[in-house]
PDB file of all heavy atoms in Angstrom:
ATOM      1  N   GLY A   1     118.537 129.033  96.650  1.00  0.00           N
ATOM      2  CA  GLY A   1     118.736 127.795  95.914  1.00  0.00           C
ATOM      3  C   GLY A   1     119.825 126.890  96.465  1.00  0.00           C
ATOM      4  O   GLY A   1     120.539 127.230  97.417  1.00  0.00           O
ATOM      5  N   VAL A   2     119.965 125.728  95.836  1.00  0.00           N
ATOM      6  CA  VAL A   2     120.964 124.748  96.285  1.00  0.00           C
ATOM      7  C   VAL A   2     122.380 125.195  95.956  1.00  0.00           C
ATOM      8  O   VAL A   2     123.344 124.638  96.486  1.00  0.00           O
ATOM      9  CB  VAL A   2     120.710 123.342  95.693  1.00  0.00           C
ATOM     10  CG1 VAL A   2     119.408 122.765  96.197  1.00  0.00           C
ATOM     11  CG2 VAL A   2     120.756 123.375  94.172  1.00  0.00           C
ATOM     12  N   SER A   3     122.533 126.207  95.124  1.00  0.00           N
ATOM     13  CA  SER A   3     123.870 126.695  94.779  1.00  0.00           C
ATOM     14  C   SER A   3     124.569 127.346  95.967  1.00  0.00           C
ATOM     15  O   SER A   3     125.741 127.692  95.871  1.00  0.00           O
ATOM     16  CB  SER A   3     123.801 127.662  93.598  1.00  0.00           C
ATOM     17  OG  SER A   3     122.896 128.717  93.847  1.00  0.00           O
ATOM     18  N   VAL A   4     123.867 127.502  97.089  1.00  0.00           N
ATOM     19  CA  VAL A   4     124.526 127.911  98.328  1.00  0.00           C
ATOM     20  C   VAL A   4     125.597 126.883  98.698  1.00  0.00           C
ATOM     21  O   VAL A   4     126.602 127.206  99.324  1.00  0.00           O
ATOM     22  CB  VAL A   4     123.484 128.065  99.462  1.00  0.00           C
ATOM     23  CG1 VAL A   4     124.149 128.267 100.805  1.00  0.00           C
ATOM     24  CG2 VAL A   4     122.561 129.245  99.157  1.00  0.00           C
ATOM     25  N   GLY A   5     125.387 125.630  98.302  1.00  0.00           N
ATOM     26  CA  GLY A   5     126.416 124.610  98.407  1.00  0.00           C
ATOM     27  C   GLY A   5     126.631 124.028  99.788  1.00  0.00           C
ATOM     28  O   GLY A   5     125.701 123.476 100.389  1.00  0.00           O
ATOM     29  N   PRO A   6     127.839 124.146 100.323  1.00  0.00           N
ATOM     30  CA  PRO A   6     128.176 123.458 101.584  1.00  0.00           C
ATOM     31  C   PRO A   6     127.352 123.883 102.790  1.00  0.00           C
ATOM     32  O   PRO A   6     127.358 123.183 103.804  1.00  0.00           O
ATOM     33  CB  PRO A   6     129.662 123.817 101.777  1.00  0.00           C
ATOM     34  CG  PRO A   6     130.165 124.098 100.401  1.00  0.00           C
ATOM     35  CD  PRO A   6     129.015 124.753  99.697  1.00  0.00           C
ATOM     36  N   ASP A   7     126.681 125.019 102.723  1.00  0.00           N
ATOM     37  CA  ASP A   7     125.859 125.451 103.863  1.00  0.00           C
ATOM     38  C   ASP A   7     124.724 124.480 104.152  1.00  0.00           C
ATOM     39  O   ASP A   7     124.155 124.487 105.244  1.00  0.00           O
ATOM     40  CB  ASP A   7     125.284 126.856 103.620  1.00  0.00           C
ATOM     41  CG  ASP A   7     126.356 127.930 103.724  1.00  0.00           C
ATOM     42  OD1 ASP A   7     127.514 127.586 104.024  1.00  0.00           O
ATOM     43  OD2 ASP A   7     126.036 129.114 103.502  1.00  0.00           O
ATOM     44  N   GLY A   8     124.332 123.674 103.171  1.00  0.00           N
ATOM     45  CA  GLY A   8     123.381 122.600 103.409  1.00  0.00           C
ATOM     46  C   GLY A   8     121.921 122.971 103.290  1.00  0.00           C
ATOM     47  O   GLY A   8     121.555 124.115 103.023  1.00  0.00           O
ATOM     48  N   GLY A   9     121.079 121.957 103.522  1.00  0.00           N
ATOM     49  CA  GLY A   9     119.647 122.090 103.278  1.00  0.00           C
ATOM     50  C   GLY A   9     118.957 123.145 104.109  1.00  0.00           C
ATOM     51  O   GLY A   9     117.952 123.725 103.674  1.00  0.00           O
ATOM     52  N   THR A  10     119.448 123.441 105.307  1.00  0.00           N
ATOM     53  CA  THR A  10     118.802 124.462 106.132  1.00  0.00           C
ATOM     54  C   THR A  10     118.924 125.843 105.518  1.00  0.00           C
ATOM     55  O   THR A  10     118.080 126.708 105.753  1.00  0.00           O
ATOM     56  CB  THR A  10     119.412 124.499 107.543  1.00  0.00           C
ATOM     57  OG1 THR A  10     120.819 124.748 107.445  1.00  0.00           O
ATOM     58  CG2 THR A  10     119.160 123.191 108.288  1.00  0.00           C
ATOM     59  N   HIS A  11     119.974 126.062 104.734  1.00  0.00           N
ATOM     60  CA  HIS A  11     120.222 127.384 104.149  1.00  0.00           C
ATOM     61  C   HIS A  11     119.932 127.434 102.653  1.00  0.00           C
ATOM     62  O   HIS A  11     120.028 128.507 102.053  1.00  0.00           O
ATOM     63  CB  HIS A  11     121.670 127.802 104.401  1.00  0.00           C
ATOM     64  CG  HIS A  11     121.933 128.285 105.782  1.00  0.00           C
ATOM     65  ND1 HIS A  11     121.635 127.528 106.895  1.00  0.00           N
ATOM     66  CD2 HIS A  11     122.453 129.452 106.240  1.00  0.00           C
ATOM     67  CE1 HIS A  11     121.973 128.211 107.983  1.00  0.00           C
ATOM     68  NE2 HIS A  11     122.465 129.372 107.615  1.00  0.00           N
ATOM     69  N   GLN A  12     119.604 126.312 102.051  1.00  0.00           N
ATOM     70  CA  GLN A  12     119.315 126.271 100.616  1.00  0.00           C
ATOM     71  C   GLN A  12     117.822 126.499 100.400  1.00  0.00           C
ATOM     72  O   GLN A  12     117.026 125.566 100.387  1.00  0.00           O
ATOM     73  CB  GLN A  12     119.771 124.925 100.037  1.00  0.00           C
ATOM     74  CG  GLN A  12     121.276 124.742 100.080  1.00  0.00           C
ATOM     75  CD  GLN A  12     121.716 123.328  99.764  1.00  0.00           C
ATOM     76  OE1 GLN A  12     120.896 122.435  99.583  1.00  0.00           O
ATOM     77  NE2 GLN A  12     123.015 123.097  99.708  1.00  0.00           N
ATOM     78  N   MET A  13     117.456 127.745 100.201  1.00  0.00           N
ATOM     79  CA  MET A  13     116.045 128.106 100.086  1.00  0.00           C
ATOM     80  C   MET A  13     115.528 127.756  98.693  1.00  0.00           C
ATOM     81  O   MET A  13     115.936 128.353  97.696  1.00  0.00           O
ATOM     82  CB  MET A  13     115.864 129.598 100.351  1.00  0.00           C
ATOM     83  CG  MET A  13     114.415 130.034 100.418  1.00  0.00           C
ATOM     84  SD  MET A  13     113.512 129.124 101.694  1.00  0.00           S
ATOM     85  CE  MET A  13     112.068 130.137 101.914  1.00  0.00           C
ATOM     86  N   VAL A  14     114.635 126.777  98.628  1.00  0.00           N
ATOM     87  CA  VAL A  14     114.086 126.336  97.342  1.00  0.00           C
ATOM     88  C   VAL A  14     112.568 126.503  97.297  1.00  0.00           C
ATOM     89  O   VAL A  14     111.901 125.936  96.432  1.00  0.00           O
ATOM     90  CB  VAL A  14     114.477 124.871  97.047  1.00  0.00           C
ATOM     91  CG1 VAL A  14     115.982 124.745  96.875  1.00  0.00           C
ATOM     92  CG2 VAL A  14     113.985 123.926  98.132  1.00  0.00           C
ATOM     93  N   GLU A  15     112.037 127.309  98.197  1.00  0.00           N
ATOM     94  CA  GLU A  15     110.587 127.557  98.226  1.00  0.00           C
ATOM     95  C   GLU A  15     110.250 129.034  98.054  1.00  0.00           C
ATOM     96  O   GLU A  15     109.082 129.420  98.067  1.00  0.00           O
ATOM     97  CB  GLU A  15     109.983 127.077  99.555  1.00  0.00           C
ATOM     98  CG  GLU A  15     110.349 125.661  99.971  1.00  0.00           C
ATOM     99  CD  GLU A  15     111.590 125.631 100.839  1.00  0.00           C
ATOM    100  OE1 GLU A  15     111.668 126.397 101.828  1.00  0.00           O
ATOM    101  OE2 GLU A  15     112.493 124.853 100.529  1.00  0.00           O
ATOM    102  N   ASP A  16     111.254 129.885  97.919  1.00  0.00           N
ATOM    103  CA  ASP A  16     111.040 131.332  97.977  1.00  0.00           C
ATOM    104  C   ASP A  16     110.231 131.889  96.816  1.00  0.00           C
ATOM    105  O   ASP A  16     109.407 132.788  97.000  1.00  0.00           O
ATOM    106  CB  ASP A  16     112.373 132.065  98.082  1.00  0.00           C
ATOM    107  CG  ASP A  16     113.362 131.646  96.999  1.00  0.00           C
ATOM    108  OD1 ASP A  16     113.554 130.433  96.796  1.00  0.00           O
ATOM    109  OD2 ASP A  16     113.947 132.534  96.348  1.00  0.00           O
ATOM    110  N   ILE A  17     110.454 131.368  95.608  1.00  0.00           N
ATOM    111  CA  ILE A  17     109.676 131.875  94.470  1.00  0.00           C
ATOM    112  C   ILE A  17     108.197 131.603  94.689  1.00  0.00           C
ATOM    113  O   ILE A  17     107.346 132.467  94.456  1.00  0.00           O
ATOM    114  CB  ILE A  17     110.151 131.248  93.146  1.00  0.00           C
ATOM    115  CG1 ILE A  17     111.609 131.632  92.866  1.00  0.00           C
ATOM    116  CG2 ILE A  17     109.267 131.694  91.987  1.00  0.00           C
ATOM    117  CD1 ILE A  17     112.201 130.945  91.641  1.00  0.00           C
ATOM    118  N   ALA A  18     107.884 130.398  95.170  1.00  0.00           N
ATOM    119  CA  ALA A  18     106.486 130.051  95.451  1.00  0.00           C
ATOM    120  C   ALA A  18     105.896 130.966  96.514  1.00  0.00           C
ATOM    121  O   ALA A  18     104.767 131.451  96.375  1.00  0.00           O
ATOM    122  CB  ALA A  18     106.387 128.589  95.889  1.00  0.00           C
ATOM    123  N   LEU A  19     106.649 131.202  97.578  1.00  0.00           N
ATOM    124  CA  LEU A  19     106.163 132.057  98.662  1.00  0.00           C
ATOM    125  C   LEU A  19     105.880 133.474  98.169  1.00  0.00           C
ATOM    126  O   LEU A  19     104.860 134.080  98.514  1.00  0.00           O
ATOM    127  CB  LEU A  19     107.188 132.104  99.796  1.00  0.00           C
ATOM    128  CG  LEU A  19     107.393 130.826 100.610  1.00  0.00           C
ATOM    129  CD1 LEU A  19     108.548 131.012 101.592  1.00  0.00           C
ATOM    130  CD2 LEU A  19     106.115 130.451 101.356  1.00  0.00           C
ATOM    131  N   MET A  20     106.782 134.009  97.377  1.00  0.00           N
ATOM    132  CA  MET A  20     106.620 135.382  96.902  1.00  0.00           C
ATOM    133  C   MET A  20     105.578 135.476  95.790  1.00  0.00           C
ATOM    134  O   MET A  20     104.808 136.433  95.720  1.00  0.00           O
ATOM    135  CB  MET A  20     107.965 135.931  96.410  1.00  0.00           C
ATOM    136  CG  MET A  20     109.021 136.056  97.488  1.00  0.00           C
ATOM    137  SD  MET A  20     108.598 137.223  98.810  1.00  0.00           S
ATOM    138  CE  MET A  20     108.082 136.079 100.106  1.00  0.00           C
ATOM    139  N   ARG A  21     105.549 134.477  94.934  1.00  0.00           N
ATOM    140  CA  ARG A  21     104.639 134.513  93.781  1.00  0.00           C
ATOM    141  C   ARG A  21     103.171 134.532  94.196  1.00  0.00           C
ATOM    142  O   ARG A  21     102.328 135.146  93.535  1.00  0.00           O
ATOM    143  CB  ARG A  21     104.937 133.302  92.891  1.00  0.00           C
ATOM    144  CG  ARG A  21     104.054 133.179  91.674  1.00  0.00           C
ATOM    145  CD  ARG A  21     104.497 132.026  90.786  1.00  0.00           C
ATOM    146  NE  ARG A  21     103.411 131.666  89.898  1.00  0.00           N
ATOM    147  CZ  ARG A  21     102.645 130.596  90.015  1.00  0.00           C
ATOM    148  NH1 ARG A  21     102.875 129.720  90.983  1.00  0.00           N
ATOM    149  NH2 ARG A  21     101.670 130.372  89.174  1.00  0.00           N
ATOM    150  N   VAL A  22     102.848 133.886  95.300  1.00  0.00           N
ATOM    151  CA  VAL A  22     101.451 133.767  95.707  1.00  0.00           C
ATOM    152  C   VAL A  22     100.930 135.042  96.363  1.00  0.00           C
ATOM    153  O   VAL A  22      99.713 135.204  96.514  1.00  0.00           O
ATOM    154  CB  VAL A  22     101.281 132.560  96.663  1.00  0.00           C
ATOM    155  CG1 VAL A  22     101.810 132.881  98.050  1.00  0.00           C
ATOM    156  CG2 VAL A  22      99.833 132.089  96.713  1.00  0.00           C
ATOM    157  N   LEU A  23     101.810 135.968  96.729  1.00  0.00           N
ATOM    158  CA  LEU A  23     101.375 137.167  97.447  1.00  0.00           C
ATOM    159  C   LEU A  23     100.778 138.213  96.505  1.00  0.00           C
ATOM    160  O   LEU A  23     101.409 138.599  95.515  1.00  0.00           O
ATOM    161  CB  LEU A  23     102.561 137.789  98.188  1.00  0.00           C
ATOM    162  CG  LEU A  23     103.061 137.034  99.417  1.00  0.00           C
ATOM    163  CD1 LEU A  23     104.381 137.620  99.900  1.00  0.00           C
ATOM    164  CD2 LEU A  23     102.014 137.065 100.524  1.00  0.00           C
ATOM    165  N   PRO A  24      99.587 138.712  96.795  1.00  0.00           N
ATOM    166  CA  PRO A  24      99.029 139.806  96.010  1.00  0.00           C
ATOM    167  C   PRO A  24      99.970 141.015  96.026  1.00  0.00           C
ATOM    168  O   PRO A  24     100.609 141.306  97.043  1.00  0.00           O
ATOM    169  CB  PRO A  24      97.708 140.116  96.726  1.00  0.00           C
ATOM    170  CG  PRO A  24      97.339 138.842  97.410  1.00  0.00           C
ATOM    171  CD  PRO A  24      98.641 138.236  97.837  1.00  0.00           C
TER     172      PRO A  24
END
């Protein structure tokens, strides 16, 4: 998530729930 803070957009993973949720 964005709570990673200063590390910025490259390290703020905001797609992971979607990626994991879709997997059987």
